[in-house]
Amino acid sequence: MRPGPEAEKKARKEIRMTNTLLPIEERHLTPDQVEALDKRRDLGHTFLVIAGQFAAIATILLLWVGQDLSYSPGWAHPIAYYFAFAVAIIVVCGVAGIVLRRGYSAAGLSAA
């Protein structure tokens, strides 16, 4: 025997499916926590974009680093210094971007 429409509606109301694509820690966040999480992930994405842009610049600088180190006298190696600066920015922004985009658990937000 099939249950009536009232019983089906009640059964549908009682079964609440969570979004299984979200990590368990993020399923019950308040709207303010979700907004903070989105802002942090956007900032992380910005840092990753900056790291990618500096990676392109460092690739171009890499073409001249060997020549600069071979032919520039003494401590005058401007291209090598620019390259080292670009690599430092890539590392700092890349690590910061990955950490910020990691998710809920990296921020230390509490679901309470």
PDB file of N, CA and C in Angstrom:
ATOM      1  N   MET A   1       0.808  -1.171   0.000  1.00  0.00           N
ATOM      2  CA  MET A   1       0.000   0.000   0.000  1.00  0.00           C
ATOM      3  C   MET A   1       0.863   1.252   0.000  1.00  0.00           C
ATOM      4  N   ARG A   2       0.454   2.205  -0.768  1.00  0.00           N
ATOM      5  CA  ARG A   2       1.220   3.431  -0.925  1.00  0.00           C
ATOM      6  C   ARG A   2       0.719   4.489   0.063  1.00  0.00           C
ATOM      7  N   PRO A   3       1.690   5.231   0.736  1.00  0.00           N
ATOM      8  CA  PRO A   3       1.263   6.273   1.673  1.00  0.00           C
ATOM      9  C   PRO A   3       0.640   7.438   0.930  1.00  0.00           C
ATOM     10  N   GLY A   4      -0.208   8.158   1.623  1.00  0.00           N
ATOM     11  CA  GLY A   4      -0.901   9.297   1.015  1.00  0.00           C
ATOM     12  C   GLY A   4       0.026  10.487   0.812  1.00  0.00           C
ATOM     13  N   PRO A   5      -0.458  11.545   0.146  1.00  0.00           N
ATOM     14  CA  PRO A   5       0.374  12.722  -0.143  1.00  0.00           C
ATOM     15  C   PRO A   5       0.832  13.447   1.119  1.00  0.00           C
ATOM     16  N   GLU A   6       0.045  13.392   2.175  1.00  0.00           N
ATOM     17  CA  GLU A   6       0.431  14.052   3.427  1.00  0.00           C
ATOM     18  C   GLU A   6       1.671  13.376   4.018  1.00  0.00           C
ATOM     19  N   ALA A   7       1.707  12.067   3.993  1.00  0.00           N
ATOM     20  CA  ALA A   7       2.843  11.326   4.536  1.00  0.00           C
ATOM     21  C   ALA A   7       4.101  11.571   3.699  1.00  0.00           C
ATOM     22  N   GLU A   8       3.956  11.693   2.369  1.00  0.00           N
ATOM     23  CA  GLU A   8       5.105  11.961   1.508  1.00  0.00           C
ATOM     24  C   GLU A   8       5.675  13.347   1.773  1.00  0.00           C
ATOM     25  N   LYS A   9       4.810  14.353   1.955  1.00  0.00           N
ATOM     26  CA  LYS A   9       5.279  15.702   2.253  1.00  0.00           C
ATOM     27  C   LYS A   9       6.037  15.736   3.579  1.00  0.00           C
ATOM     28  N   LYS A  10       5.503  15.040   4.575  1.00  0.00           N
ATOM     29  CA  LYS A  10       6.145  15.005   5.874  1.00  0.00           C
ATOM     30  C   LYS A  10       7.520  14.335   5.767  1.00  0.00           C
ATOM     31  N   ALA A  11       7.589  13.254   4.995  1.00  0.00           N
ATOM     32  CA  ALA A  11       8.860  12.545   4.821  1.00  0.00           C
ATOM     33  C   ALA A  11       9.873  13.431   4.116  1.00  0.00           C
ATOM     34  N   ARG A  12       9.436  14.221   3.128  1.00  0.00           N
ATOM     35  CA  ARG A  12      10.342  15.125   2.420  1.00  0.00           C
ATOM     36  C   ARG A  12      10.845  16.226   3.336  1.00  0.00           C
ATOM     37  N   LYS A  13      10.004  16.730   4.229  1.00  0.00           N
ATOM     38  CA  LYS A  13      10.417  17.786   5.141  1.00  0.00           C
ATOM     39  C   LYS A  13      11.450  17.290   6.141  1.00  0.00           C
ATOM     40  N   GLU A  14      11.309  16.069   6.600  1.00  0.00           N
ATOM     41  CA  GLU A  14      12.199  15.543   7.614  1.00  0.00           C
ATOM     42  C   GLU A  14      13.576  15.208   7.056  1.00  0.00           C
ATOM     43  N   ILE A  15      13.673  14.853   5.806  1.00  0.00           N
ATOM     44  CA  ILE A  15      14.950  14.499   5.203  1.00  0.00           C
ATOM     45  C   ILE A  15      15.564  15.765   4.626  1.00  0.00           C
ATOM     46  N   ARG A  16      16.619  16.241   5.279  1.00  0.00           N
ATOM     47  CA  ARG A  16      17.336  17.408   4.784  1.00  0.00           C
ATOM     48  C   ARG A  16      18.711  16.957   4.337  1.00  0.00           C
ATOM     49  N   MET A  17      18.955  17.044   3.056  1.00  0.00           N
ATOM     50  CA  MET A  17      20.244  16.637   2.511  1.00  0.00           C
ATOM     51  C   MET A  17      21.194  17.827   2.553  1.00  0.00           C
ATOM     52  N   THR A  18      22.373  17.623   3.099  1.00  0.00           N
ATOM     53  CA  THR A  18      23.378  18.664   3.074  1.00  0.00           C
ATOM     54  C   THR A  18      24.107  18.605   1.744  1.00  0.00           C
ATOM     55  N   ASN A  19      24.808  19.668   1.439  1.00  0.00           N
ATOM     56  CA  ASN A  19      25.601  19.710   0.225  1.00  0.00           C
ATOM     57  C   ASN A  19      26.845  18.860   0.451  1.00  0.00           C
ATOM     58  N   THR A  20      26.878  17.702  -0.148  1.00  0.00           N
ATOM     59  CA  THR A  20      27.980  16.769   0.088  1.00  0.00           C
ATOM     60  C   THR A  20      29.267  17.195  -0.603  1.00  0.00           C
ATOM     61  N   LEU A  21      29.215  18.206  -1.459  1.00  0.00           N
ATOM     62  CA  LEU A  21      30.425  18.703  -2.102  1.00  0.00           C
ATOM     63  C   LEU A  21      31.248  19.574  -1.156  1.00  0.00           C
ATOM     64  N   LEU A  22      30.613  20.113  -0.123  1.00  0.00           N
ATOM     65  CA  LEU A  22      31.317  20.935   0.850  1.00  0.00           C
ATOM     66  C   LEU A  22      32.006  20.054   1.885  1.00  0.00           C
ATOM     67  N   PRO A  23      33.150  20.515   2.390  1.00  0.00           N
ATOM     68  CA  PRO A  23      33.760  19.785   3.503  1.00  0.00           C
ATOM     69  C   PRO A  23      32.829  19.799   4.715  1.00  0.00           C
ATOM     70  N   ILE A  24      32.955  18.812   5.569  1.00  0.00           N
ATOM     71  CA  ILE A  24      32.065  18.672   6.722  1.00  0.00           C
ATOM     72  C   ILE A  24      32.102  19.920   7.598  1.00  0.00           C
ATOM     73  N   GLU A  25      33.278  20.530   7.766  1.00  0.00           N
ATOM     74  CA  GLU A  25      33.413  21.691   8.632  1.00  0.00           C
ATOM     75  C   GLU A  25      32.652  22.904   8.108  1.00  0.00           C
ATOM     76  N   GLU A  26      32.395  22.957   6.803  1.00  0.00           N
ATOM     77  CA  GLU A  26      31.780  24.141   6.198  1.00  0.00           C
ATOM     78  C   GLU A  26      30.279  24.001   5.977  1.00  0.00           C
ATOM     79  N   ARG A  27      29.690  22.918   6.347  1.00  0.00           N
ATOM     80  CA  ARG A  27      28.282  22.686   6.025  1.00  0.00           C
ATOM     81  C   ARG A  27      27.324  23.473   6.912  1.00  0.00           C
ATOM     82  N   HIS A  28      27.747  23.873   8.088  1.00  0.00           N
ATOM     83  CA  HIS A  28      26.833  24.530   9.022  1.00  0.00           C
ATOM     84  C   HIS A  28      27.347  25.898   9.438  1.00  0.00           C
ATOM     85  N   LEU A  29      27.948  26.638   8.507  1.00  0.00           N
ATOM     86  CA  LEU A  29      28.456  27.970   8.813  1.00  0.00           C
ATOM     87  C   LEU A  29      27.330  28.991   8.791  1.00  0.00           C
ATOM     88  N   THR A  30      27.501  30.028   9.572  1.00  0.00           N
ATOM     89  CA  THR A  30      26.551  31.139   9.540  1.00  0.00           C
ATOM     90  C   THR A  30      26.850  31.986   8.305  1.00  0.00           C
ATOM     91  N   PRO A  31      25.912  32.833   7.886  1.00  0.00           N
ATOM     92  CA  PRO A  31      26.172  33.688   6.723  1.00  0.00           C
ATOM     93  C   PRO A  31      27.400  34.588   6.893  1.00  0.00           C
ATOM     94  N   ASP A  32      27.642  35.089   8.101  1.00  0.00           N
ATOM     95  CA  ASP A  32      28.819  35.929   8.328  1.00  0.00           C
ATOM     96  C   ASP A  32      30.111  35.123   8.164  1.00  0.00           C
ATOM     97  N   GLN A  33      30.097  33.897   8.624  1.00  0.00           N
ATOM     98  CA  GLN A  33      31.273  33.044   8.475  1.00  0.00           C
ATOM     99  C   GLN A  33      31.511  32.677   7.016  1.00  0.00           C
ATOM    100  N   VAL A  34      30.445  32.462   6.274  1.00  0.00           N
ATOM    101  CA  VAL A  34      30.582  32.163   4.843  1.00  0.00           C
ATOM    102  C   VAL A  34      31.163  33.365   4.111  1.00  0.00           C
ATOM    103  N   GLU A  35      30.709  34.567   4.469  1.00  0.00           N
ATOM    104  CA  GLU A  35      31.229  35.776   3.839  1.00  0.00           C
ATOM    105  C   GLU A  35      32.712  35.958   4.146  1.00  0.00           C
ATOM    106  N   ALA A  36      33.108  35.734   5.399  1.00  0.00           N
ATOM    107  CA  ALA A  36      34.521  35.838   5.767  1.00  0.00           C
ATOM    108  C   ALA A  36      35.354  34.793   5.026  1.00  0.00           C
ATOM    109  N   LEU A  37      34.819  33.600   4.889  1.00  0.00           N
ATOM    110  CA  LEU A  37      35.510  32.529   4.172  1.00  0.00           C
ATOM    111  C   LEU A  37      35.684  32.893   2.695  1.00  0.00           C
ATOM    112  N   ASP A  38      34.652  33.440   2.083  1.00  0.00           N
ATOM    113  CA  ASP A  38      34.733  33.849   0.676  1.00  0.00           C
ATOM    114  C   ASP A  38      35.744  34.970   0.477  1.00  0.00           C
ATOM    115  N   LYS A  39      35.760  35.940   1.395  1.00  0.00           N
ATOM    116  CA  LYS A  39      36.722  37.043   1.286  1.00  0.00           C
ATOM    117  C   LYS A  39      38.145  36.532   1.402  1.00  0.00           C
ATOM    118  N   ARG A  40      38.366  35.599   2.352  1.00  0.00           N
ATOM    119  CA  ARG A  40      39.700  35.055   2.530  1.00  0.00           C
ATOM    120  C   ARG A  40      40.130  34.258   1.299  1.00  0.00           C
ATOM    121  N   ARG A  41      39.217  33.490   0.738  1.00  0.00           N
ATOM    122  CA  ARG A  41      39.563  32.715  -0.463  1.00  0.00           C
ATOM    123  C   ARG A  41      39.805  33.635  -1.659  1.00  0.00           C
ATOM    124  N   ASP A  42      39.064  34.734  -1.763  1.00  0.00           N
ATOM    125  CA  ASP A  42      39.313  35.703  -2.837  1.00  0.00           C
ATOM    126  C   ASP A  42      40.700  36.329  -2.695  1.00  0.00           C
ATOM    127  N   LEU A  43      41.087  36.668  -1.460  1.00  0.00           N
ATOM    128  CA  LEU A  43      42.417  37.214  -1.232  1.00  0.00           C
ATOM    129  C   LEU A  43      43.484  36.183  -1.579  1.00  0.00           C
ATOM    130  N   GLY A  44      43.249  34.936  -1.230  1.00  0.00           N
ATOM    131  CA  GLY A  44      44.186  33.878  -1.587  1.00  0.00           C
ATOM    132  C   GLY A  44      44.323  33.726  -3.094  1.00  0.00           C
ATOM    133  N   HIS A  45      43.195  33.828  -3.797  1.00  0.00           N
ATOM    134  CA  HIS A  45      43.240  33.745  -5.260  1.00  0.00           C
ATOM    135  C   HIS A  45      44.027  34.920  -5.835  1.00  0.00           C
ATOM    136  N   THR A  46      43.870  36.108  -5.256  1.00  0.00           N
ATOM    137  CA  THR A  46      44.612  37.283  -5.712  1.00  0.00           C
ATOM    138  C   THR A  46      46.113  37.053  -5.540  1.00  0.00           C
ATOM    139  N   PHE A  47      46.520  36.515  -4.397  1.00  0.00           N
ATOM    140  CA  PHE A  47      47.941  36.228  -4.181  1.00  0.00           C
ATOM    141  C   PHE A  47      48.456  35.196  -5.175  1.00  0.00           C
ATOM    142  N   LEU A  48      47.645  34.202  -5.507  1.00  0.00           N
ATOM    143  CA  LEU A  48      48.073  33.206  -6.491  1.00  0.00           C
ATOM    144  C   LEU A  48      48.217  33.827  -7.883  1.00  0.00           C
ATOM    145  N   VAL A  49      47.357  34.763  -8.224  1.00  0.00           N
ATOM    146  CA  VAL A  49      47.469  35.453  -9.512  1.00  0.00           C
ATOM    147  C   VAL A  49      48.745  36.290  -9.561  1.00  0.00           C
ATOM    148  N   ILE A  50      49.031  36.995  -8.455  1.00  0.00           N
ATOM    149  CA  ILE A  50      50.261  37.793  -8.389  1.00  0.00           C
ATOM    150  C   ILE A  50      51.481  36.880  -8.535  1.00  0.00           C
ATOM    151  N   ALA A  51      51.462  35.735  -7.859  1.00  0.00           N
ATOM    152  CA  ALA A  51      52.580  34.794  -7.974  1.00  0.00           C
ATOM    153  C   ALA A  51      52.722  34.297  -9.410  1.00  0.00           C
ATOM    154  N   GLY A  52      51.609  34.040 -10.083  1.00  0.00           N
ATOM    155  CA  GLY A  52      51.667  33.597 -11.480  1.00  0.00           C
ATOM    156  C   GLY A  52      52.219  34.658 -12.408  1.00  0.00           C
ATOM    157  N   GLN A  53      51.834  35.906 -12.181  1.00  0.00           N
ATOM    158  CA  GLN A  53      52.353  36.988 -13.015  1.00  0.00           C
ATOM    159  C   GLN A  53      53.853  37.176 -12.810  1.00  0.00           C
ATOM    160  N   PHE A  54      54.293  37.090 -11.550  1.00  0.00           N
ATOM    161  CA  PHE A  54      55.723  37.201 -11.300  1.00  0.00           C
ATOM    162  C   PHE A  54      56.477  35.984 -11.818  1.00  0.00           C
ATOM    163  N   ALA A  55      55.828  34.832 -11.913  1.00  0.00           N
ATOM    164  CA  ALA A  55      56.470  33.663 -12.500  1.00  0.00           C
ATOM    165  C   ALA A  55      56.758  33.900 -13.985  1.00  0.00           C
ATOM    166  N   ALA A  56      55.825  34.551 -14.668  1.00  0.00           N
ATOM    167  CA  ALA A  56      56.057  34.887 -16.078  1.00  0.00           C
ATOM    168  C   ALA A  56      57.210  35.874 -16.211  1.00  0.00           C
ATOM    169  N   ILE A  57      57.257  36.865 -15.334  1.00  0.00           N
ATOM    170  CA  ILE A  57      58.352  37.841 -15.359  1.00  0.00           C
ATOM    171  C   ILE A  57      59.677  37.157 -15.045  1.00  0.00           C
ATOM    172  N   ALA A  58      59.688  36.273 -14.055  1.00  0.00           N
ATOM    173  CA  ALA A  58      60.914  35.573 -13.687  1.00  0.00           C
ATOM    174  C   ALA A  58      61.401  34.668 -14.813  1.00  0.00           C
ATOM    175  N   THR A  59      60.476  34.101 -15.562  1.00  0.00           N
ATOM    176  CA  THR A  59      60.873  33.270 -16.704  1.00  0.00           C
ATOM    177  C   THR A  59      61.607  34.101 -17.743  1.00  0.00           C
ATOM    178  N   ILE A  60      61.128  35.301 -17.981  1.00  0.00           N
ATOM    179  CA  ILE A  60      61.799  36.187 -18.942  1.00  0.00           C
ATOM    180  C   ILE A  60      63.149  36.644 -18.392  1.00  0.00           C
ATOM    181  N   LEU A  61      63.187  36.977 -17.089  1.00  0.00           N
ATOM    182  CA  LEU A  61      64.455  37.383 -16.486  1.00  0.00           C
ATOM    183  C   LEU A  61      65.482  36.260 -16.514  1.00  0.00           C
ATOM    184  N   LEU A  62      65.008  35.029 -16.431  1.00  0.00           N
ATOM    185  CA  LEU A  62      65.911  33.879 -16.434  1.00  0.00           C
ATOM    186  C   LEU A  62      66.735  33.820 -17.726  1.00  0.00           C
ATOM    187  N   LEU A  63      66.209  34.386 -18.800  1.00  0.00           N
ATOM    188  CA  LEU A  63      66.943  34.398 -20.069  1.00  0.00           C
ATOM    189  C   LEU A  63      68.231  35.210 -19.968  1.00  0.00           C
ATOM    190  N   TRP A  64      68.257  36.229 -19.091  1.00  0.00           N
ATOM    191  CA  TRP A  64      69.408  37.119 -18.991  1.00  0.00           C
ATOM    192  C   TRP A  64      70.247  36.920 -17.737  1.00  0.00           C
ATOM    193  N   VAL A  65      69.812  36.088 -16.816  1.00  0.00           N
ATOM    194  CA  VAL A  65      70.534  35.944 -15.550  1.00  0.00           C
ATOM    195  C   VAL A  65      71.932  35.373 -15.776  1.00  0.00           C
ATOM    196  N   GLY A  66      72.054  34.357 -16.574  1.00  0.00           N
ATOM    197  CA  GLY A  66      73.365  33.760 -16.831  1.00  0.00           C
ATOM    198  C   GLY A  66      74.338  34.757 -17.427  1.00  0.00           C
ATOM    199  N   GLN A  67      73.887  35.530 -18.389  1.00  0.00           N
ATOM    200  CA  GLN A  67      74.738  36.539 -19.008  1.00  0.00           C
ATOM    201  C   GLN A  67      75.120  37.612 -17.993  1.00  0.00           C
ATOM    202  N   ASP A  68      74.157  38.004 -17.173  1.00  0.00           N
ATOM    203  CA  ASP A  68      74.416  39.038 -16.178  1.00  0.00           C
ATOM    204  C   ASP A  68      75.454  38.559 -15.168  1.00  0.00           C
ATOM    205  N   LEU A  69      75.328  37.321 -14.713  1.00  0.00           N
ATOM    206  CA  LEU A  69      76.280  36.801 -13.744  1.00  0.00           C
ATOM    207  C   LEU A  69      77.661  36.585 -14.357  1.00  0.00           C
ATOM    208  N   SER A  70      77.723  36.292 -15.649  1.00  0.00           N
ATOM    209  CA  SER A  70      79.003  36.032 -16.306  1.00  0.00           C
ATOM    210  C   SER A  70      79.765  37.308 -16.645  1.00  0.00           C
ATOM    211  N   TYR A  71      79.057  38.325 -17.118  1.00  0.00           N
ATOM    212  CA  TYR A  71      79.747  39.483 -17.686  1.00  0.00           C
ATOM    213  C   TYR A  71      79.687  40.747 -16.837  1.00  0.00           C
ATOM    214  N   SER A  72      78.829  40.836 -15.853  1.00  0.00           N
ATOM    215  CA  SER A  72      78.774  42.041 -15.030  1.00  0.00           C
ATOM    216  C   SER A  72      79.902  42.003 -14.002  1.00  0.00           C
ATOM    217  N   PRO A  73      80.593  43.126 -13.839  1.00  0.00           N
ATOM    218  CA  PRO A  73      81.740  43.133 -12.919  1.00  0.00           C
ATOM    219  C   PRO A  73      81.308  43.250 -11.452  1.00  0.00           C
ATOM    220  N   GLY A  74      82.078  42.624 -10.588  1.00  0.00           N
ATOM    221  CA  GLY A  74      81.885  42.761  -9.146  1.00  0.00           C
ATOM    222  C   GLY A  74      80.492  42.363  -8.683  1.00  0.00           C
ATOM    223  N   TRP A  75      79.924  43.242  -7.862  1.00  0.00           N
ATOM    224  CA  TRP A  75      78.597  42.983  -7.296  1.00  0.00           C
ATOM    225  C   TRP A  75      77.477  43.597  -8.138  1.00  0.00           C
ATOM    226  N   ALA A  76      77.783  44.116  -9.272  1.00  0.00           N
ATOM    227  CA  ALA A  76      76.783  44.762 -10.127  1.00  0.00           C
ATOM    228  C   ALA A  76      76.096  43.706 -10.999  1.00  0.00           C
ATOM    229  N   HIS A  77      75.064  43.099 -10.451  1.00  0.00           N
ATOM    230  CA  HIS A  77      74.290  42.090 -11.183  1.00  0.00           C
ATOM    231  C   HIS A  77      72.806  42.428 -11.073  1.00  0.00           C
ATOM    232  N   PRO A  78      72.364  43.498 -11.729  1.00  0.00           N
ATOM    233  CA  PRO A  78      70.975  43.938 -11.527  1.00  0.00           C
ATOM    234  C   PRO A  78      69.932  42.910 -11.961  1.00  0.00           C
ATOM    235  N   ILE A  79      70.153  42.226 -13.045  1.00  0.00           N
ATOM    236  CA  ILE A  79      69.170  41.246 -13.503  1.00  0.00           C
ATOM    237  C   ILE A  79      69.084  40.080 -12.525  1.00  0.00           C
ATOM    238  N   ALA A  80      70.209  39.659 -11.972  1.00  0.00           N
ATOM    239  CA  ALA A  80      70.200  38.581 -10.983  1.00  0.00           C
ATOM    240  C   ALA A  80      69.440  39.020  -9.739  1.00  0.00           C
ATOM    241  N   TYR A  81      69.610  40.275  -9.337  1.00  0.00           N
ATOM    242  CA  TYR A  81      68.878  40.772  -8.170  1.00  0.00           C
ATOM    243  C   TYR A  81      67.385  40.854  -8.461  1.00  0.00           C
ATOM    244  N   TYR A  82      67.019  41.328  -9.647  1.00  0.00           N
ATOM    245  CA  TYR A  82      65.605  41.375 -10.021  1.00  0.00           C
ATOM    246  C   TYR A  82      65.012  39.964 -10.038  1.00  0.00           C
ATOM    247  N   PHE A  83      65.795  39.020 -10.557  1.00  0.00           N
ATOM    248  CA  PHE A  83      65.324  37.638 -10.608  1.00  0.00           C
ATOM    249  C   PHE A  83      65.127  37.075  -9.194  1.00  0.00           C
ATOM    250  N   ALA A  84      66.073  37.325  -8.310  1.00  0.00           N
ATOM    251  CA  ALA A  84      65.952  36.842  -6.928  1.00  0.00           C
ATOM    252  C   ALA A  84      64.754  37.486  -6.242  1.00  0.00           C
ATOM    253  N   PHE A  85      64.532  38.774  -6.490  1.00  0.00           N
ATOM    254  CA  PHE A  85      63.377  39.467  -5.924  1.00  0.00           C
ATOM    255  C   PHE A  85      62.073  38.863  -6.452  1.00  0.00           C
ATOM    256  N   ALA A  86      62.026  38.582  -7.746  1.00  0.00           N
ATOM    257  CA  ALA A  86      60.824  37.984  -8.345  1.00  0.00           C
ATOM    258  C   ALA A  86      60.569  36.590  -7.783  1.00  0.00           C
ATOM    259  N   VAL A  87      61.607  35.797  -7.599  1.00  0.00           N
ATOM    260  CA  VAL A  87      61.444  34.453  -7.036  1.00  0.00           C
ATOM    261  C   VAL A  87      60.947  34.543  -5.593  1.00  0.00           C
ATOM    262  N   ALA A  88      61.461  35.520  -4.836  1.00  0.00           N
ATOM    263  CA  ALA A  88      61.001  35.702  -3.453  1.00  0.00           C
ATOM    264  C   ALA A  88      59.520  36.065  -3.416  1.00  0.00           C
ATOM    265  N   ILE A  89      59.096  36.934  -4.311  1.00  0.00           N
ATOM    266  CA  ILE A  89      57.674  37.308  -4.374  1.00  0.00           C
ATOM    267  C   ILE A  89      56.830  36.105  -4.775  1.00  0.00           C
ATOM    268  N   ILE A  90      57.317  35.305  -5.705  1.00  0.00           N
ATOM    269  CA  ILE A  90      56.587  34.098  -6.127  1.00  0.00           C
ATOM    270  C   ILE A  90      56.388  33.157  -4.945  1.00  0.00           C
ATOM    271  N   VAL A  91      57.434  32.937  -4.176  1.00  0.00           N
ATOM    272  CA  VAL A  91      57.348  32.014  -3.045  1.00  0.00           C
ATOM    273  C   VAL A  91      56.406  32.555  -1.973  1.00  0.00           C
ATOM    274  N   VAL A  92      56.584  33.825  -1.597  1.00  0.00           N
ATOM    275  CA  VAL A  92      55.760  34.409  -0.526  1.00  0.00           C
ATOM    276  C   VAL A  92      54.286  34.466  -0.936  1.00  0.00           C
ATOM    277  N   CYS A  93      54.016  35.004  -2.114  1.00  0.00           N
ATOM    278  CA  CYS A  93      52.617  35.118  -2.559  1.00  0.00           C
ATOM    279  C   CYS A  93      52.008  33.746  -2.847  1.00  0.00           C
ATOM    280  N   GLY A  94      52.787  32.829  -3.380  1.00  0.00           N
ATOM    281  CA  GLY A  94      52.263  31.498  -3.660  1.00  0.00           C
ATOM    282  C   GLY A  94      51.892  30.744  -2.399  1.00  0.00           C
ATOM    283  N   VAL A  95      52.760  30.779  -1.402  1.00  0.00           N
ATOM    284  CA  VAL A  95      52.461  30.085  -0.142  1.00  0.00           C
ATOM    285  C   VAL A  95      51.286  30.755   0.560  1.00  0.00           C
ATOM    286  N   ALA A  96      51.285  32.096   0.588  1.00  0.00           N
ATOM    287  CA  ALA A  96      50.170  32.811   1.228  1.00  0.00           C
ATOM    288  C   ALA A  96      48.857  32.509   0.520  1.00  0.00           C
ATOM    289  N   GLY A  97      48.874  32.467  -0.806  1.00  0.00           N
ATOM    290  CA  GLY A  97      47.659  32.173  -1.560  1.00  0.00           C
ATOM    291  C   GLY A  97      47.138  30.773  -1.304  1.00  0.00           C
ATOM    292  N   ILE A  98      48.039  29.811  -1.244  1.00  0.00           N
ATOM    293  CA  ILE A  98      47.614  28.431  -0.982  1.00  0.00           C
ATOM    294  C   ILE A  98      47.034  28.299   0.412  1.00  0.00           C
ATOM    295  N   VAL A  99      47.686  28.931   1.392  1.00  0.00           N
ATOM    296  CA  VAL A  99      47.200  28.856   2.768  1.00  0.00           C
ATOM    297  C   VAL A  99      45.830  29.525   2.897  1.00  0.00           C
ATOM    298  N   LEU A 100      45.663  30.682   2.263  1.00  0.00           N
ATOM    299  CA  LEU A 100      44.390  31.394   2.371  1.00  0.00           C
ATOM    300  C   LEU A 100      43.262  30.685   1.632  1.00  0.00           C
ATOM    301  N   ARG A 101      43.564  29.995   0.553  1.00  0.00           N
ATOM    302  CA  ARG A 101      42.522  29.308  -0.204  1.00  0.00           C
ATOM    303  C   ARG A 101      42.228  27.911   0.314  1.00  0.00           C
ATOM    304  N   ARG A 102      42.998  27.455   1.287  1.00  0.00           N
ATOM    305  CA  ARG A 102      42.870  26.080   1.758  1.00  0.00           C
ATOM    306  C   ARG A 102      41.457  25.755   2.212  1.00  0.00           C
ATOM    307  N   GLY A 103      40.827  26.634   2.954  1.00  0.00           N
ATOM    308  CA  GLY A 103      39.466  26.358   3.369  1.00  0.00           C
ATOM    309  C   GLY A 103      39.206  26.696   4.807  1.00  0.00           C
ATOM    310  N   TYR A 104      38.143  26.124   5.297  1.00  0.00           N
ATOM    311  CA  TYR A 104      37.592  26.433   6.611  1.00  0.00           C
ATOM    312  C   TYR A 104      38.584  26.166   7.733  1.00  0.00           C
ATOM    313  N   SER A 105      39.207  25.010   7.718  1.00  0.00           N
ATOM    314  CA  SER A 105      40.046  24.593   8.837  1.00  0.00           C
ATOM    315  C   SER A 105      41.296  25.467   8.960  1.00  0.00           C
ATOM    316  N   ALA A 106      41.766  26.040   7.865  1.00  0.00           N
ATOM    317  CA  ALA A 106      42.965  26.856   7.922  1.00  0.00           C
ATOM    318  C   ALA A 106      42.696  28.204   8.577  1.00  0.00           C
ATOM    319  N   ALA A 107      41.462  28.666   8.570  1.00  0.00           N
ATOM    320  CA  ALA A 107      41.142  29.986   9.125  1.00  0.00           C
ATOM    321  C   ALA A 107      40.925  29.947  10.618  1.00  0.00           C
ATOM    322  N   GLY A 108      40.621  28.793  11.155  1.00  0.00           N
ATOM    323  CA  GLY A 108      40.357  28.697  12.567  1.00  0.00           C
ATOM    324  C   GLY A 108      38.972  29.198  12.947  1.00  0.00           C
ATOM    325  N   LEU A 109      38.080  29.273  11.981  1.00  0.00           N
ATOM    326  CA  LEU A 109      36.708  29.689  12.289  1.00  0.00           C
ATOM    327  C   LEU A 109      36.004  28.577  13.048  1.00  0.00           C
ATOM    328  N   SER A 110      35.141  28.967  13.938  1.00  0.00           N
ATOM    329  CA  SER A 110      34.375  27.946  14.659  1.00  0.00           C
ATOM    330  C   SER A 110      32.940  27.950  14.175  1.00  0.00           C
ATOM    331  N   ALA A 111      32.365  26.791  14.072  1.00  0.00           N
ATOM    332  CA  ALA A 111      30.994  26.665  13.584  1.00  0.00           C
ATOM    333  C   ALA A 111      29.978  26.982  14.661  1.00  0.00           C
ATOM    334  N   ALA A 112      30.417  27.238  15.880  1.00  0.00           N
ATOM    335  CA  ALA A 112      29.491  27.515  16.979  1.00  0.00           C
ATOM    336  C   ALA A 112      29.015  28.947  16.973  1.00  0.00           C
TER     337      ALA A 112
END
